[in-house]
Amino acid sequence: MRYLSSACGVALSCLGILGGGWAEDARAAGFYLQDQSVKGGGRAYSGEAADMGAESLWWNPASIAGIEQSESYSGITGIFVNSTVTDHGSTVGHLGGGPRAIGGNDRVDNPVSNGILPTGAFAYRINGQWAVGMSVTSPFSFVTKYPTDSWTRYTALTSRLTTIDLQPTLAWRPTRWLGIGVGPNIEYTVAALSNALPNLFPGQPDGQQTLHGNGWNVGYNVGIQLHLTDRLVFGAAYRSRVKHEISGKLDVSGLTGLLAGQNFRADAGANFTTPWAATFGLRWKATDRLTLNAQTVRQGWSTFDAIYVTSPVKSQTSENYRDTLNGAFGIDYQVTPRWVMRSGVQYDPTPTPGPTRDARVPDANRWLFSIGTSVLVGKRLSVDASVTYVDFQNSAITRNATAYGGTPVQVPVGLRGTVEASGVVAGIGTRLWF
């Protein structure tokens, strides 16, 4: 007996769950990585839009307008997260019966994987007015892993997303006080998502589904810098949203009994949109040694309203993310002509609405507290280092999902849990002038 009309019937319901998970993976606070500059990390990313040099290209393409020398930057950052995700009454339904406790491991420690993030950039000075550059960053990259018996298993097992952003830049400084920059953002995205599938009766082993795919997509960024005085610089930049179109494969396996015929492998496609960002920064050299920095970023996560499945069949999963506004303040202090110390603080809110927060990337509002330093080695080389402590506020996971939705055997899943987390981000980098 077949309860589903075809493999596409399962594909629709499977992608419905995975689509929601995919959307959870691409978020500003919990998934967007600011860590594209070791120097900026030392002041909690508080002055990047108004700073000059290749290391600030991600925040403002005008940062290389009017540079005095060609330069390159390379850095590596370690991201270490300590987290605990705990069940508080999650349920799953079964055919012919009401909701039951979801069972399994009700506490998972450190589902957020630690990671290493390399970044790089260079800028070539054509003349006193013109420069070209390129940055290579990874703004949306994350991995979470839950054991197969976790209470989160029906909406999240493994979530892996990697985005590589190439940003060619053309910058122009027509006058002493104005810098302009523009360029495309060329992004390559690779994703792999999996979760368990409940069989129809209690005691039957779970099935599993995995979606993996990749794609190339393009956005753009523009920016200006106003050198209001020799000591005061204002920077503003806009980075467009990027519509990510992913194509790959969907695998369903391990279903038994009445669902045994629904195991399959098929081509799959989906798309989602990462947010635009408007960045405003200010740097004021208050004294010969002390520079004050301030920055705010408005991220347009409301454009990320849904995840759209394009194949095997068309569907969508609503996400309803909210726009966010973060703020940061920091200082640079010139201890000696060759040694700079930095410090900064930032508040970064989550765009995820509490009623639909999932376990794929357990997110929360956060505070960042940073320190950093730069040491000039010789005439052309600077070594940067930074450490940031990230304090996540406690948050809740509240997600309602349905396996085999829209079919006679649909199974409701209700996740209810809490998240506790903190993190440390440490980086080291070099800048070379030539």
Protein backbone atom coordinates (compact mmCIF):
# COMPACT_ATOMS: atom_id res chain seq x y z
CA MET A 1 0.00 0.00 0.00
CA ARG A 2 1.38 3.44 -0.97
CA TYR A 3 0.30 6.44 1.08
CA LEU A 4 2.20 8.84 -1.19
CA SER A 5 1.53 9.19 -4.87
CA SER A 6 5.16 9.33 -5.96
CA ALA A 7 8.72 10.01 -4.92
CA CYS A 8 8.04 13.67 -5.64
CA GLY A 9 5.45 13.63 -2.86
CA VAL A 10 8.17 12.78 -0.37
CA ALA A 11 10.53 15.21 -2.10
CA LEU A 12 8.14 18.08 -1.48
CA SER A 13 7.80 17.34 2.21
CA CYS A 14 11.50 16.61 2.61
CA LEU A 15 12.55 19.83 0.97
CA GLY A 16 9.98 21.67 3.04
CA ILE A 17 11.88 20.70 6.18
CA LEU A 18 15.31 21.11 4.64
CA GLY A 19 14.29 24.44 3.15
CA GLY A 20 13.53 25.76 6.61
CA GLY A 21 16.88 24.49 7.79
CA TRP A 22 18.70 26.08 4.89
CA ALA A 23 17.10 29.38 5.72
CA GLU A 24 18.21 29.09 9.33
CA ASP A 25 21.79 28.70 8.13
CA ALA A 26 21.97 32.04 6.37
CA ARG A 27 21.46 34.58 9.06
CA ALA A 28 23.14 37.85 9.95
CA ALA A 29 24.08 37.56 13.60
CA GLY A 30 24.27 33.80 14.00
CA PHE A 31 25.62 32.96 10.59
CA TYR A 32 27.08 36.09 9.04
CA LEU A 33 30.80 36.20 9.81
CA GLN A 34 32.19 39.67 10.47
CA ASP A 35 35.69 38.26 10.87
CA GLN A 36 37.13 39.51 7.58
CA SER A 37 39.87 41.68 9.14
CA VAL A 38 42.22 40.89 12.03
CA LYS A 39 42.96 44.59 12.55
CA GLY A 40 39.23 45.36 12.62
CA GLY A 41 38.66 42.49 15.03
CA GLY A 42 40.83 44.22 17.61
CA ARG A 43 38.34 47.11 17.89
CA ALA A 44 35.12 45.03 17.48
CA TYR A 45 34.72 46.18 13.83
CA SER A 46 33.98 49.74 14.87
CA GLY A 47 35.79 51.81 12.23
CA GLU A 48 36.22 49.74 9.07
CA ALA A 49 34.01 51.80 6.74
CA ALA A 50 36.11 54.90 7.52
CA ASP A 51 39.56 53.25 7.57
CA MET A 52 41.91 53.05 4.61
CA GLY A 53 43.66 50.01 3.17
CA ALA A 54 42.98 46.66 1.51
CA GLU A 55 41.97 45.08 4.83
CA SER A 56 38.80 47.22 4.91
CA LEU A 57 37.58 46.38 1.38
CA TRP A 58 34.77 44.11 2.58
CA TRP A 59 33.16 47.00 4.47
CA ASN A 60 33.83 49.80 2.00
CA PRO A 61 35.26 49.60 -1.55
CA ALA A 62 36.34 53.24 -1.19
CA SER A 63 38.90 52.21 1.44
CA ILE A 64 41.67 51.98 -1.19
CA ALA A 65 40.87 55.30 -2.92
CA GLY A 66 43.96 57.52 -2.60
CA ILE A 67 46.28 54.92 -1.01
CA GLU A 68 49.91 56.01 -1.04
CA GLN A 69 51.36 52.54 -1.73
CA SER A 70 50.19 49.23 -3.12
CA GLU A 71 49.54 46.71 -0.37
CA SER A 72 48.37 43.20 0.48
CA TYR A 73 46.70 41.64 3.50
CA SER A 74 46.38 38.03 4.65
CA GLY A 75 44.86 36.75 7.85
CA ILE A 76 43.59 33.67 9.59
CA THR A 77 40.99 33.61 12.35
CA GLY A 78 39.96 30.81 14.70
CA ILE A 79 36.33 30.73 15.87
CA PHE A 80 35.66 28.70 19.03
CA VAL A 81 32.12 28.35 20.39
CA ASN A 82 31.04 26.70 23.64
CA SER A 83 27.32 25.89 23.48
CA THR A 84 24.65 23.69 25.04
CA VAL A 85 21.25 22.93 23.51
CA THR A 86 18.66 21.38 25.86
CA ASP A 87 15.22 19.87 25.23
CA HIS A 88 12.22 21.25 27.09
CA GLY A 89 9.17 19.33 25.95
CA SER A 90 9.70 18.62 22.24
CA THR A 91 7.14 16.27 20.65
CA VAL A 92 6.58 14.14 17.55
CA GLY A 93 3.34 12.64 16.24
CA HIS A 94 2.75 9.16 14.83
CA LEU A 95 0.13 7.61 12.56
CA GLY A 96 -3.10 7.09 14.48
CA GLY A 97 -1.78 8.62 17.72
CA GLY A 98 -1.28 11.97 19.39
CA PRO A 99 2.02 13.76 20.12
CA ARG A 100 4.65 11.91 22.14
CA ALA A 101 7.87 13.05 23.76
CA ILE A 102 10.48 13.19 21.03
CA GLY A 103 12.89 11.10 23.10
CA GLY A 104 16.59 10.59 22.49
CA ASN A 105 19.49 12.65 23.79
CA ASP A 106 17.88 15.66 25.52
CA ARG A 107 21.12 17.64 25.95
CA VAL A 108 23.72 18.27 23.26
CA ASP A 109 27.02 19.97 24.08
CA ASN A 110 28.88 21.99 21.46
CA PRO A 111 26.78 21.38 18.34
CA VAL A 112 28.37 24.47 16.78
CA SER A 113 31.65 23.35 15.23
CA ASN A 114 34.82 25.33 15.76
CA GLY A 115 36.34 26.69 12.57
CA ILE A 116 39.27 28.40 10.87
CA LEU A 117 38.54 31.35 8.58
CA PRO A 118 41.24 32.55 6.13
CA THR A 119 40.87 35.96 4.44
CA GLY A 120 42.94 38.04 2.06
CA ALA A 121 43.00 41.23 0.01
CA PHE A 122 45.29 43.37 -2.11
CA ALA A 123 45.24 46.85 -3.61
CA TYR A 124 47.31 48.22 -6.49
CA ARG A 125 47.96 51.98 -6.69
CA ILE A 126 47.68 53.11 -10.31
CA ASN A 127 48.34 56.78 -9.50
CA GLY A 128 47.35 59.37 -6.92
CA GLN A 129 43.67 59.14 -7.89
CA TRP A 130 43.04 55.56 -9.05
CA ALA A 131 43.48 52.14 -7.47
CA VAL A 132 42.21 48.62 -8.10
CA GLY A 133 41.85 45.82 -5.59
CA MET A 134 40.47 42.42 -4.74
CA SER A 135 39.30 40.84 -1.51
CA VAL A 136 38.62 37.15 -0.84
CA THR A 137 36.32 36.52 2.11
CA SER A 138 33.88 33.94 3.46
CA PRO A 139 30.94 35.92 4.85
CA PHE A 140 28.43 33.06 5.29
CA SER A 141 30.15 29.90 6.54
CA PHE A 142 29.09 27.65 9.38
CA VAL A 143 28.82 24.03 10.55
CA THR A 144 26.56 22.46 13.19
CA LYS A 145 26.42 18.76 13.97
CA TYR A 146 23.99 16.86 16.20
CA PRO A 147 24.14 13.13 17.04
CA THR A 148 21.62 10.90 15.28
CA ASP A 149 19.72 10.35 18.56
CA SER A 150 19.46 14.07 19.40
CA TRP A 151 16.10 15.64 20.26
CA THR A 152 16.75 17.99 17.30
CA ARG A 153 17.12 15.16 14.79
CA TYR A 154 13.85 15.67 12.86
CA THR A 155 14.79 19.23 11.90
CA ALA A 156 18.59 19.22 12.21
CA LEU A 157 21.46 16.74 12.13
CA THR A 158 24.27 18.27 10.06
CA SER A 159 24.23 21.77 8.55
CA ARG A 160 27.20 22.89 6.48
CA LEU A 161 27.32 26.09 4.42
CA THR A 162 30.40 27.71 2.87
CA THR A 163 30.37 30.93 0.86
CA ILE A 164 33.46 32.29 -0.89
CA ASP A 165 33.14 35.96 -1.93
CA LEU A 166 35.39 37.52 -4.57
CA GLN A 167 35.21 41.32 -4.63
CA PRO A 168 37.08 43.06 -7.49
CA THR A 169 37.15 46.80 -6.78
CA LEU A 170 37.78 50.03 -8.66
CA ALA A 171 38.42 53.10 -6.48
CA TRP A 172 38.79 56.78 -7.37
CA ARG A 173 39.79 59.83 -5.32
CA PRO A 174 38.92 62.87 -7.47
CA THR A 175 39.64 65.38 -4.69
CA ARG A 176 41.52 65.43 -1.41
CA TRP A 177 38.33 65.06 0.61
CA LEU A 178 36.38 62.43 -1.43
CA GLY A 179 36.98 58.74 -2.15
CA ILE A 180 34.64 56.53 -4.23
CA GLY A 181 34.67 52.76 -4.72
CA VAL A 182 32.57 50.21 -6.58
CA GLY A 183 32.69 46.54 -7.49
CA PRO A 184 30.78 43.26 -7.84
CA ASN A 185 30.48 40.56 -5.18
CA ILE A 186 30.93 37.19 -6.89
CA GLU A 187 29.91 34.40 -4.53
CA TYR A 188 30.30 30.63 -4.72
CA THR A 189 28.12 28.70 -2.27
CA VAL A 190 28.32 25.06 -1.17
CA ALA A 191 25.68 23.59 1.17
CA ALA A 192 24.95 20.21 2.75
CA LEU A 193 22.01 19.70 5.10
CA SER A 194 20.60 16.58 6.72
CA ASN A 195 17.95 15.54 9.23
CA ALA A 196 16.19 12.37 10.36
CA LEU A 197 12.74 11.31 9.13
CA PRO A 198 10.26 9.69 11.51
CA ASN A 199 8.74 6.39 10.46
CA LEU A 200 5.00 6.02 10.93
CA PHE A 201 4.85 3.95 14.12
CA PRO A 202 6.66 4.23 17.46
CA GLY A 203 9.67 1.96 17.75
CA GLN A 204 10.52 1.96 14.05
CA PRO A 205 14.03 3.27 13.24
CA ASP A 206 14.34 6.73 11.70
CA GLY A 207 15.02 7.39 8.06
CA GLN A 208 17.28 10.20 6.89
CA GLN A 209 17.37 12.84 4.17
CA THR A 210 20.32 14.85 2.88
CA LEU A 211 20.34 17.82 0.54
CA HIS A 212 23.61 19.00 -0.98
CA GLY A 213 24.28 21.52 -3.72
CA ASN A 214 26.27 24.50 -4.94
CA GLY A 215 25.99 27.58 -7.14
CA TRP A 216 27.54 30.85 -8.35
CA ASN A 217 25.71 34.16 -7.77
CA VAL A 218 26.50 37.88 -8.04
CA GLY A 219 25.74 41.09 -6.15
CA TYR A 220 27.44 44.50 -5.94
CA ASN A 221 28.78 47.08 -3.49
CA VAL A 222 29.41 50.83 -3.60
CA GLY A 223 30.95 53.19 -1.06
CA ILE A 224 32.34 56.63 -0.31
CA GLN A 225 34.74 58.17 2.17
CA LEU A 226 34.61 61.82 3.18
CA HIS A 227 37.91 63.14 4.57
CA LEU A 228 36.26 66.02 6.37
CA THR A 229 39.53 67.16 7.99
CA ASP A 230 43.00 65.68 8.39
CA ARG A 231 41.72 64.04 11.57
CA LEU A 232 38.08 63.16 10.80
CA VAL A 233 36.90 60.59 8.23
CA PHE A 234 33.34 59.43 7.52
CA GLY A 235 32.63 56.30 5.48
CA ALA A 236 29.39 54.90 4.06
CA ALA A 237 28.87 51.79 1.94
CA TYR A 238 26.03 49.68 0.57
CA ARG A 239 26.33 45.98 -0.23
CA SER A 240 23.44 44.54 -2.21
CA ARG A 241 21.43 41.47 -1.40
CA VAL A 242 22.45 38.28 -3.24
CA LYS A 243 19.94 35.76 -4.52
CA HIS A 244 21.55 32.34 -4.05
CA GLU A 245 20.43 29.65 -6.46
CA ILE A 246 21.56 26.18 -5.43
CA SER A 247 21.39 22.98 -7.47
CA GLY A 248 22.33 19.51 -6.30
CA LYS A 249 20.89 16.22 -5.08
CA LEU A 250 18.31 15.09 -2.51
CA ASP A 251 18.76 11.64 -0.93
CA VAL A 252 16.12 9.89 1.18
CA SER A 253 17.03 6.55 2.81
CA GLY A 254 16.15 4.29 5.74
CA LEU A 255 12.35 4.52 5.47
CA THR A 256 10.69 1.19 6.25
CA GLY A 257 7.26 -0.44 6.33
CA LEU A 258 4.60 1.54 4.51
CA LEU A 259 7.17 4.18 3.53
CA ALA A 260 9.85 1.79 2.23
CA GLY A 261 9.01 2.58 -1.39
CA GLN A 262 9.69 6.29 -0.87
CA ASN A 263 13.48 6.02 -0.56
CA PHE A 264 14.98 7.80 -3.57
CA ARG A 265 17.68 10.05 -5.00
CA ALA A 266 16.74 12.98 -7.23
CA ASP A 267 18.01 16.29 -8.62
CA ALA A 268 17.03 19.21 -6.38
CA GLY A 269 17.15 22.98 -6.47
CA ALA A 270 16.39 25.85 -4.11
CA ASN A 271 17.03 29.56 -3.71
CA PHE A 272 17.19 32.08 -0.89
CA THR A 273 18.34 35.68 -0.55
CA THR A 274 21.01 36.96 1.83
CA PRO A 275 20.52 40.54 3.05
CA TRP A 276 21.67 43.90 1.86
CA ALA A 277 23.83 45.89 4.29
CA ALA A 278 24.26 49.64 4.77
CA THR A 279 27.40 50.47 6.77
CA PHE A 280 28.30 53.85 8.31
CA GLY A 281 31.62 54.46 10.06
CA LEU A 282 33.51 57.35 11.66
CA ARG A 283 37.18 57.71 12.66
CA TRP A 284 38.40 60.72 14.63
CA LYS A 285 42.05 61.21 15.51
CA ALA A 286 41.41 62.92 18.81
CA THR A 287 45.13 63.29 19.64
CA ASP A 288 48.38 62.33 17.96
CA ARG A 289 48.11 58.94 19.68
CA LEU A 290 44.39 58.29 20.23
CA THR A 291 41.86 57.53 17.47
CA LEU A 292 38.17 56.99 18.28
CA ASN A 293 36.04 54.73 16.06
CA ALA A 294 32.29 54.21 15.71
CA GLN A 295 30.29 52.10 13.27
CA THR A 296 26.75 50.91 12.69
CA VAL A 297 25.41 48.39 10.17
CA ARG A 298 21.81 48.09 9.03
CA GLN A 299 21.18 44.62 7.56
CA GLY A 300 18.08 44.05 5.46
CA TRP A 301 17.11 40.57 6.57
CA SER A 302 13.45 41.24 5.78
CA THR A 303 14.34 40.38 2.17
CA PHE A 304 14.96 36.87 3.48
CA ASP A 305 11.27 36.12 3.80
CA ALA A 306 11.26 32.51 2.60
CA ILE A 307 13.24 29.62 1.18
CA TYR A 308 11.98 28.65 -2.27
CA VAL A 309 12.24 25.08 -3.53
CA THR A 310 12.38 24.89 -7.32
CA SER A 311 12.68 21.11 -7.83
CA PRO A 312 11.68 18.27 -7.72
CA VAL A 313 8.51 20.33 -7.17
CA LYS A 314 7.89 23.97 -6.30
CA SER A 315 7.21 25.05 -2.71
CA GLN A 316 8.29 27.62 -0.15
CA THR A 317 8.92 27.83 3.58
CA SER A 318 8.26 31.15 5.31
CA GLU A 319 11.04 32.59 7.49
CA ASN A 320 10.00 36.22 8.16
CA TYR A 321 13.37 37.46 9.37
CA ARG A 322 13.69 40.98 10.78
CA ASP A 323 16.03 43.80 9.78
CA THR A 324 18.77 44.43 12.34
CA LEU A 325 20.89 47.38 13.45
CA ASN A 326 24.16 46.77 15.28
CA GLY A 327 26.50 49.30 16.84
CA ALA A 328 30.19 49.32 17.76
CA PHE A 329 32.68 51.65 19.42
CA GLY A 330 36.46 51.26 19.64
CA ILE A 331 39.81 52.94 20.07
CA ASP A 332 43.27 52.78 18.48
CA TYR A 333 46.16 53.94 20.68
CA GLN A 334 49.63 54.58 19.20
CA VAL A 335 51.86 53.38 22.03
CA THR A 336 55.05 53.96 20.02
CA PRO A 337 55.66 54.81 16.34
CA ARG A 338 55.78 51.04 15.66
CA TRP A 339 53.18 49.70 18.09
CA VAL A 340 49.39 50.21 18.18
CA MET A 341 46.93 48.82 20.75
CA ARG A 342 43.18 48.52 20.12
CA SER A 343 39.99 47.74 21.99
CA GLY A 344 36.27 47.80 21.21
CA VAL A 345 32.76 46.67 22.06
CA GLN A 346 29.80 45.80 19.82
CA TYR A 347 26.15 44.84 20.27
CA ASP A 348 24.83 42.57 17.52
CA PRO A 349 21.14 41.54 17.61
CA THR A 350 19.73 38.44 15.94
CA PRO A 351 17.31 38.75 13.01
CA THR A 352 15.59 35.45 13.80
CA PRO A 353 12.08 35.76 15.26
CA GLY A 354 11.72 33.73 18.45
CA PRO A 355 8.59 31.79 17.37
CA THR A 356 10.43 30.17 14.43
CA ARG A 357 14.01 29.78 15.70
CA ASP A 358 15.46 26.39 14.72
CA ALA A 359 18.29 24.21 16.00
CA ARG A 360 20.35 24.27 12.81
CA VAL A 361 22.06 27.48 13.95
CA PRO A 362 20.88 28.23 17.49
CA ASP A 363 21.02 32.01 17.45
CA ALA A 364 20.80 34.83 20.01
CA ASN A 365 21.59 38.49 20.58
CA ARG A 366 25.22 38.98 21.49
CA TRP A 367 27.86 41.35 22.88
CA LEU A 368 31.43 41.40 21.51
CA PHE A 369 34.39 42.56 23.63
CA SER A 370 37.69 42.88 21.74
CA ILE A 371 41.36 43.72 22.14
CA GLY A 372 44.07 43.82 19.49
CA THR A 373 47.47 45.08 18.47
CA SER A 374 49.64 45.87 15.44
CA VAL A 375 53.44 45.88 15.34
CA LEU A 376 55.44 47.36 12.46
CA VAL A 377 58.29 45.02 11.51
CA GLY A 378 60.81 46.84 9.33
CA LYS A 379 59.48 49.46 6.90
CA ARG A 380 56.97 47.43 4.88
CA LEU A 381 55.46 44.74 7.10
CA SER A 382 52.91 44.97 9.93
CA VAL A 383 51.75 42.03 12.05
CA ASP A 384 48.21 42.23 13.50
CA ALA A 385 46.60 40.15 16.27
CA SER A 386 43.19 40.27 17.93
CA VAL A 387 41.02 38.39 20.44
CA THR A 388 37.23 38.78 20.88
CA TYR A 389 35.01 37.33 23.57
CA VAL A 390 31.41 36.80 22.41
CA ASP A 391 28.69 36.74 25.07
CA PHE A 392 25.47 35.21 23.70
CA GLN A 393 22.27 35.93 25.57
CA ASN A 394 20.26 32.83 26.44
CA SER A 395 17.62 32.05 23.80
CA ALA A 396 14.86 29.57 23.01
CA ILE A 397 14.35 27.15 20.14
CA THR A 398 10.70 27.10 19.09
CA ARG A 399 10.01 25.46 15.77
CA ASN A 400 6.97 23.63 14.38
CA ALA A 401 7.60 21.41 11.36
CA THR A 402 5.82 18.64 9.48
CA ALA A 403 7.29 15.54 7.89
CA TYR A 404 5.43 14.33 4.77
CA GLY A 405 3.33 17.51 4.84
CA GLY A 406 0.24 17.60 2.68
CA THR A 407 -0.08 13.81 2.58
CA PRO A 408 -2.32 11.39 4.53
CA VAL A 409 0.67 10.35 6.67
CA GLN A 410 1.99 13.76 7.70
CA VAL A 411 3.80 13.76 11.05
CA PRO A 412 3.93 16.95 13.18
CA VAL A 413 7.17 17.84 14.98
CA GLY A 414 7.34 20.49 17.69
CA LEU A 415 10.76 21.59 18.96
CA ARG A 416 10.97 23.32 22.34
CA GLY A 417 14.38 23.94 23.87
CA THR A 418 16.93 26.40 25.21
CA VAL A 419 20.39 27.54 24.10
CA GLU A 420 23.34 28.71 26.19
CA ALA A 421 26.53 29.80 24.43
CA SER A 422 29.71 31.86 24.50
CA GLY A 423 32.61 32.14 22.09
CA VAL A 424 36.18 33.27 21.53
CA VAL A 425 37.50 34.56 18.19
CA ALA A 426 41.27 34.93 17.77
CA GLY A 427 43.14 36.06 14.67
CA ILE A 428 46.58 36.89 13.34
CA GLY A 429 47.38 38.65 10.09
CA THR A 430 49.99 40.53 8.11
CA ARG A 431 49.97 43.67 5.97
CA LEU A 432 52.68 44.27 3.36
CA TRP A 433 53.32 47.52 1.44
CA PHE A 434 55.17 47.50 -1.88
